Amino acid sequence: MEGGSRCESATRRAATRLHTASKGMHIANYHAEMMQRATAAMTLVPAHERDISSLTMCVGSDGLARVKERIQAFRRELLQLAETESLPSQVVQVNFQLFPLTLDTAQDAEARSHTAAKDVP
């Protein structure tokens, strides 16, 4: 079996597992497993064979929506790149995580103003 066939087969199997898995916990478990593998890769995979990086940013709700849109667009772009590979030979994992590290101060301020307004006689 040539490398491309093995790669395509593994990619198809991974996509099929994700596609056919029921929503909810199965998908969450899949993502948790991939994040655990990323953690292991930091020590098991030589630096020249991986790229692990992160950003910490401060954004508002509009900025958060734009970041999510950009991640989704980039994910589609990477899939197109993979589809045009002439000699695929290795299955790789690319993870994206976007989550808040703090409470939304705008929402917190709005909640405080509503609470204060109720307290005013």
N, C-alpha and C. Protein backbone atom coordinates (compact mmCIF):
# COMPACT_ATOMS: atom_id res chain seq x y z
N MET A 1 0.85 -1.18 0.00
CA MET A 1 0.00 0.00 0.00
C MET A 1 0.90 1.23 0.00
N GLU A 2 0.68 2.15 -0.90
CA GLU A 2 1.51 3.35 -0.96
C GLU A 2 1.09 4.34 0.12
N GLY A 3 2.01 5.28 0.45
CA GLY A 3 1.78 6.23 1.53
C GLY A 3 0.50 7.03 1.38
N GLY A 4 0.20 7.47 0.16
CA GLY A 4 -0.99 8.27 -0.07
C GLY A 4 -2.25 7.51 0.27
N SER A 5 -2.31 6.25 -0.12
CA SER A 5 -3.49 5.45 0.17
C SER A 5 -3.66 5.26 1.66
N ARG A 6 -2.56 5.00 2.37
CA ARG A 6 -2.62 4.83 3.82
C ARG A 6 -3.11 6.12 4.47
N CYS A 7 -2.57 7.24 4.01
CA CYS A 7 -2.92 8.54 4.56
C CYS A 7 -4.40 8.85 4.29
N GLU A 8 -4.82 8.65 3.06
CA GLU A 8 -6.21 8.91 2.70
C GLU A 8 -7.15 8.01 3.49
N SER A 9 -6.77 6.74 3.65
CA SER A 9 -7.60 5.80 4.38
C SER A 9 -7.72 6.20 5.84
N ALA A 10 -6.61 6.58 6.46
CA ALA A 10 -6.63 6.99 7.86
C ALA A 10 -7.44 8.26 8.04
N THR A 11 -7.29 9.19 7.12
CA THR A 11 -8.05 10.44 7.18
C THR A 11 -9.54 10.16 7.04
N ARG A 12 -9.89 9.28 6.08
CA ARG A 12 -11.29 8.91 5.89
C ARG A 12 -11.86 8.24 7.13
N ARG A 13 -11.08 7.32 7.73
CA ARG A 13 -11.55 6.63 8.94
C ARG A 13 -11.78 7.62 10.07
N ALA A 14 -10.84 8.56 10.25
CA ALA A 14 -10.98 9.55 11.32
C ALA A 14 -12.20 10.43 11.07
N ALA A 15 -12.39 10.85 9.83
CA ALA A 15 -13.55 11.69 9.48
C ALA A 15 -14.84 10.91 9.67
N THR A 16 -14.84 9.64 9.29
CA THR A 16 -16.03 8.81 9.43
C THR A 16 -16.37 8.62 10.90
N ARG A 17 -15.35 8.37 11.74
CA ARG A 17 -15.60 8.21 13.18
C ARG A 17 -16.24 9.47 13.74
N LEU A 18 -15.71 10.62 13.37
CA LEU A 18 -16.25 11.88 13.88
C LEU A 18 -17.65 12.12 13.34
N HIS A 19 -17.85 11.85 12.04
CA HIS A 19 -19.14 12.10 11.41
C HIS A 19 -20.23 11.20 11.97
N THR A 20 -19.90 9.93 12.20
CA THR A 20 -20.91 8.99 12.65
C THR A 20 -21.11 8.99 14.16
N ALA A 21 -20.19 9.61 14.90
CA ALA A 21 -20.34 9.67 16.36
C ALA A 21 -21.54 10.54 16.70
N SER A 22 -22.25 10.14 17.73
CA SER A 22 -23.37 10.98 18.16
C SER A 22 -22.82 12.27 18.71
N LYS A 23 -23.66 13.30 18.68
CA LYS A 23 -23.24 14.62 19.16
C LYS A 23 -22.96 14.57 20.65
N GLY A 24 -22.52 15.65 21.21
CA GLY A 24 -22.35 15.75 22.65
C GLY A 24 -21.06 15.16 23.15
N MET A 25 -21.18 14.20 24.05
CA MET A 25 -20.02 13.66 24.74
C MET A 25 -19.04 12.97 23.81
N HIS A 26 -19.51 12.33 22.77
CA HIS A 26 -18.58 11.66 21.85
C HIS A 26 -17.64 12.68 21.21
N ILE A 27 -18.18 13.78 20.77
CA ILE A 27 -17.36 14.81 20.14
C ILE A 27 -16.45 15.46 21.18
N ALA A 28 -16.99 15.73 22.37
CA ALA A 28 -16.17 16.31 23.44
C ALA A 28 -15.03 15.37 23.80
N ASN A 29 -15.30 14.07 23.86
CA ASN A 29 -14.25 13.09 24.18
C ASN A 29 -13.19 13.05 23.08
N TYR A 30 -13.62 13.16 21.83
CA TYR A 30 -12.67 13.18 20.71
C TYR A 30 -11.73 14.39 20.85
N HIS A 31 -12.30 15.56 21.09
CA HIS A 31 -11.47 16.77 21.21
C HIS A 31 -10.55 16.67 22.43
N ALA A 32 -11.05 16.14 23.54
CA ALA A 32 -10.21 15.97 24.72
C ALA A 32 -9.04 15.04 24.42
N GLU A 33 -9.29 13.96 23.70
CA GLU A 33 -8.23 13.02 23.33
C GLU A 33 -7.20 13.71 22.43
N MET A 34 -7.64 14.50 21.47
CA MET A 34 -6.69 15.20 20.59
C MET A 34 -5.87 16.21 21.37
N MET A 35 -6.48 16.88 22.36
CA MET A 35 -5.72 17.83 23.18
C MET A 35 -4.70 17.09 24.05
N GLN A 36 -5.07 15.90 24.54
CA GLN A 36 -4.11 15.10 25.29
C GLN A 36 -2.94 14.67 24.40
N ARG A 37 -3.25 14.30 23.16
CA ARG A 37 -2.18 13.94 22.23
C ARG A 37 -1.28 15.14 21.94
N ALA A 38 -1.87 16.33 21.84
CA ALA A 38 -1.06 17.54 21.62
C ALA A 38 -0.14 17.78 22.81
N THR A 39 -0.64 17.57 24.01
CA THR A 39 0.19 17.72 25.20
C THR A 39 1.35 16.74 25.17
N ALA A 40 1.07 15.49 24.82
CA ALA A 40 2.13 14.48 24.73
C ALA A 40 3.13 14.83 23.64
N ALA A 41 2.65 15.40 22.54
CA ALA A 41 3.54 15.74 21.42
C ALA A 41 4.59 16.77 21.81
N MET A 42 4.29 17.61 22.80
CA MET A 42 5.27 18.62 23.21
C MET A 42 6.56 17.98 23.69
N THR A 43 6.48 16.78 24.24
CA THR A 43 7.69 16.11 24.71
C THR A 43 8.10 14.93 23.83
N LEU A 44 7.15 14.33 23.11
CA LEU A 44 7.46 13.13 22.34
C LEU A 44 7.85 13.40 20.89
N VAL A 45 7.39 14.51 20.32
CA VAL A 45 7.64 14.82 18.92
C VAL A 45 8.69 15.93 18.84
N PRO A 46 9.76 15.72 18.08
CA PRO A 46 10.80 16.77 17.96
C PRO A 46 10.20 18.09 17.47
N ALA A 47 10.73 19.18 17.96
CA ALA A 47 10.20 20.52 17.65
C ALA A 47 10.13 20.79 16.15
N HIS A 48 11.08 20.27 15.37
CA HIS A 48 11.07 20.54 13.93
C HIS A 48 9.94 19.79 13.21
N GLU A 49 9.25 18.88 13.89
CA GLU A 49 8.14 18.13 13.29
C GLU A 49 6.77 18.59 13.78
N ARG A 50 6.72 19.64 14.58
CA ARG A 50 5.45 20.11 15.12
C ARG A 50 5.45 21.63 15.21
N ASP A 51 4.30 22.19 15.44
CA ASP A 51 4.16 23.62 15.68
C ASP A 51 3.10 23.79 16.74
N ILE A 52 3.51 24.11 17.94
CA ILE A 52 2.57 24.32 19.04
C ILE A 52 2.75 25.74 19.52
N SER A 53 1.69 26.51 19.43
CA SER A 53 1.76 27.91 19.83
C SER A 53 0.40 28.33 20.39
N SER A 54 0.37 29.49 21.00
CA SER A 54 -0.88 30.00 21.54
C SER A 54 -0.85 31.52 21.58
N LEU A 55 -2.02 32.09 21.72
CA LEU A 55 -2.19 33.54 21.86
C LEU A 55 -3.14 33.80 23.02
N THR A 56 -2.87 34.83 23.76
CA THR A 56 -3.83 35.31 24.76
C THR A 56 -4.18 36.72 24.33
N MET A 57 -5.47 36.98 24.11
CA MET A 57 -5.92 38.27 23.59
C MET A 57 -7.06 38.80 24.43
N CYS A 58 -7.30 40.08 24.34
CA CYS A 58 -8.46 40.71 24.96
C CYS A 58 -9.35 41.22 23.83
N VAL A 59 -10.57 40.71 23.74
CA VAL A 59 -11.50 41.09 22.68
C VAL A 59 -12.88 41.33 23.28
N GLY A 60 -13.68 42.06 22.55
CA GLY A 60 -15.09 42.23 22.90
C GLY A 60 -15.92 41.19 22.18
N SER A 61 -17.22 41.27 22.30
CA SER A 61 -18.09 40.26 21.68
C SER A 61 -17.96 40.28 20.15
N ASP A 62 -17.80 41.46 19.55
CA ASP A 62 -17.61 41.52 18.09
C ASP A 62 -16.28 40.90 17.69
N GLY A 63 -15.24 41.21 18.44
CA GLY A 63 -13.93 40.63 18.16
C GLY A 63 -13.94 39.13 18.32
N LEU A 64 -14.63 38.62 19.32
CA LEU A 64 -14.74 37.18 19.53
C LEU A 64 -15.41 36.52 18.33
N ALA A 65 -16.48 37.13 17.84
CA ALA A 65 -17.17 36.58 16.67
C ALA A 65 -16.25 36.57 15.46
N ARG A 66 -15.47 37.63 15.28
CA ARG A 66 -14.55 37.69 14.13
C ARG A 66 -13.45 36.65 14.24
N VAL A 67 -12.93 36.44 15.45
CA VAL A 67 -11.89 35.42 15.65
C VAL A 67 -12.46 34.05 15.31
N LYS A 68 -13.66 33.75 15.77
CA LYS A 68 -14.29 32.46 15.47
C LYS A 68 -14.47 32.28 13.97
N GLU A 69 -14.91 33.33 13.28
CA GLU A 69 -15.08 33.27 11.82
C GLU A 69 -13.74 32.99 11.13
N ARG A 70 -12.68 33.64 11.59
CA ARG A 70 -11.35 33.45 10.99
C ARG A 70 -10.85 32.02 11.20
N ILE A 71 -11.08 31.47 12.40
CA ILE A 71 -10.67 30.09 12.67
C ILE A 71 -11.42 29.14 11.74
N GLN A 72 -12.72 29.36 11.59
CA GLN A 72 -13.53 28.50 10.71
C GLN A 72 -13.06 28.60 9.26
N ALA A 73 -12.75 29.80 8.81
CA ALA A 73 -12.26 29.99 7.43
C ALA A 73 -10.90 29.32 7.25
N PHE A 74 -10.01 29.46 8.23
CA PHE A 74 -8.69 28.84 8.14
C PHE A 74 -8.80 27.31 8.13
N ARG A 75 -9.72 26.77 8.91
CA ARG A 75 -9.92 25.33 8.93
C ARG A 75 -10.36 24.84 7.55
N ARG A 76 -11.27 25.57 6.91
CA ARG A 76 -11.69 25.21 5.54
C ARG A 76 -10.52 25.31 4.57
N GLU A 77 -9.70 26.35 4.71
CA GLU A 77 -8.53 26.54 3.85
C GLU A 77 -7.55 25.36 4.00
N LEU A 78 -7.32 24.92 5.22
CA LEU A 78 -6.43 23.78 5.44
C LEU A 78 -6.99 22.50 4.83
N LEU A 79 -8.29 22.30 4.91
CA LEU A 79 -8.90 21.12 4.29
C LEU A 79 -8.70 21.16 2.77
N GLN A 80 -8.86 22.33 2.18
CA GLN A 80 -8.63 22.46 0.73
C GLN A 80 -7.18 22.16 0.38
N LEU A 81 -6.26 22.64 1.20
CA LEU A 81 -4.84 22.36 0.98
C LEU A 81 -4.59 20.85 1.01
N ALA A 82 -5.16 20.17 2.00
CA ALA A 82 -4.98 18.72 2.12
C ALA A 82 -5.56 17.98 0.91
N GLU A 83 -6.67 18.47 0.40
CA GLU A 83 -7.31 17.83 -0.75
C GLU A 83 -6.47 17.96 -2.02
N THR A 84 -5.61 18.95 -2.09
CA THR A 84 -4.80 19.15 -3.29
C THR A 84 -3.40 18.54 -3.18
N GLU A 85 -3.10 17.88 -2.06
CA GLU A 85 -1.81 17.22 -1.89
C GLU A 85 -1.63 16.15 -2.96
N SER A 86 -0.53 16.21 -3.66
CA SER A 86 -0.29 15.22 -4.72
C SER A 86 0.28 13.91 -4.17
N LEU A 87 1.06 13.98 -3.10
CA LEU A 87 1.66 12.77 -2.51
C LEU A 87 1.51 12.79 -0.99
N PRO A 88 0.29 12.68 -0.47
CA PRO A 88 0.14 12.68 0.98
C PRO A 88 0.80 11.45 1.58
N SER A 89 1.54 11.64 2.68
CA SER A 89 2.28 10.52 3.26
C SER A 89 2.19 10.44 4.78
N GLN A 90 1.51 11.40 5.42
CA GLN A 90 1.46 11.40 6.87
C GLN A 90 0.16 12.02 7.35
N VAL A 91 -0.46 11.41 8.34
CA VAL A 91 -1.65 11.98 8.96
C VAL A 91 -1.19 12.90 10.09
N VAL A 92 -1.67 14.13 10.09
CA VAL A 92 -1.34 15.09 11.14
C VAL A 92 -2.63 15.61 11.77
N GLN A 93 -2.51 16.13 12.96
CA GLN A 93 -3.65 16.69 13.67
C GLN A 93 -3.42 18.18 13.85
N VAL A 94 -4.42 18.99 13.54
CA VAL A 94 -4.37 20.43 13.79
C VAL A 94 -5.53 20.74 14.73
N ASN A 95 -5.24 21.29 15.88
CA ASN A 95 -6.27 21.62 16.86
C ASN A 95 -6.46 23.13 16.95
N PHE A 96 -7.69 23.53 17.18
CA PHE A 96 -8.00 24.93 17.45
C PHE A 96 -8.85 24.96 18.72
N GLN A 97 -8.48 25.78 19.66
CA GLN A 97 -9.30 26.00 20.84
C GLN A 97 -9.43 27.50 21.05
N LEU A 98 -10.62 27.94 21.33
CA LEU A 98 -10.88 29.34 21.65
C LEU A 98 -11.83 29.32 22.84
N PHE A 99 -11.41 29.87 23.95
CA PHE A 99 -12.26 29.87 25.14
C PHE A 99 -11.89 31.05 26.02
N PRO A 100 -12.83 31.53 26.83
CA PRO A 100 -12.55 32.68 27.69
C PRO A 100 -11.68 32.27 28.88
N LEU A 101 -10.76 33.14 29.24
CA LEU A 101 -9.96 32.96 30.45
C LEU A 101 -10.51 33.78 31.61
N THR A 102 -11.36 34.75 31.29
CA THR A 102 -11.95 35.62 32.31
C THR A 102 -13.44 35.78 32.03
N LEU A 103 -14.14 36.37 32.98
CA LEU A 103 -15.53 36.73 32.75
C LEU A 103 -15.57 37.90 31.78
N ASP A 104 -16.67 38.05 31.07
CA ASP A 104 -16.87 39.17 30.15
C ASP A 104 -17.18 40.40 30.98
N THR A 105 -16.27 41.36 31.02
CA THR A 105 -16.47 42.55 31.86
C THR A 105 -17.64 43.39 31.40
N ALA A 106 -17.94 43.39 30.10
CA ALA A 106 -19.09 44.15 29.60
C ALA A 106 -20.39 43.54 30.13
N GLN A 107 -20.49 42.23 30.09
CA GLN A 107 -21.68 41.56 30.61
C GLN A 107 -21.77 41.74 32.12
N ASP A 108 -20.62 41.67 32.80
CA ASP A 108 -20.59 41.85 34.25
C ASP A 108 -21.04 43.26 34.62
N ALA A 109 -20.56 44.27 33.89
CA ALA A 109 -20.95 45.66 34.15
C ALA A 109 -22.44 45.86 33.90
N GLU A 110 -22.95 45.23 32.82
CA GLU A 110 -24.38 45.34 32.52
C GLU A 110 -25.21 44.70 33.62
N ALA A 111 -24.80 43.56 34.12
CA ALA A 111 -25.51 42.89 35.19
C ALA A 111 -25.50 43.74 36.46
N ARG A 112 -24.35 44.37 36.76
CA ARG A 112 -24.26 45.23 37.94
C ARG A 112 -25.18 46.44 37.80
N SER A 113 -25.27 47.01 36.59
CA SER A 113 -26.12 48.20 36.41
C SER A 113 -27.59 47.82 36.54
N HIS A 114 -27.98 46.65 36.08
CA HIS A 114 -29.37 46.20 36.23
C HIS A 114 -29.69 45.96 37.71
N THR A 115 -28.74 45.38 38.44
CA THR A 115 -28.93 45.13 39.87
C THR A 115 -29.04 46.44 40.61
N ALA A 116 -28.17 47.41 40.28
CA ALA A 116 -28.20 48.72 40.93
C ALA A 116 -29.50 49.44 40.62
N ALA A 117 -29.99 49.34 39.40
CA ALA A 117 -31.25 50.00 39.01
C ALA A 117 -32.42 49.44 39.81
N LYS A 118 -32.39 48.16 40.11
CA LYS A 118 -33.47 47.54 40.90
C LYS A 118 -33.42 48.02 42.34
N ASP A 119 -32.21 48.34 42.83
CA ASP A 119 -32.06 48.76 44.22
C ASP A 119 -32.46 50.21 44.44
N VAL A 120 -32.60 51.01 43.38
CA VAL A 120 -32.94 52.41 43.50
C VAL A 120 -34.45 52.52 43.74
N PRO A 121 -34.86 53.22 44.82
CA PRO A 121 -36.31 53.34 45.11
C PRO A 121 -37.04 54.24 44.16
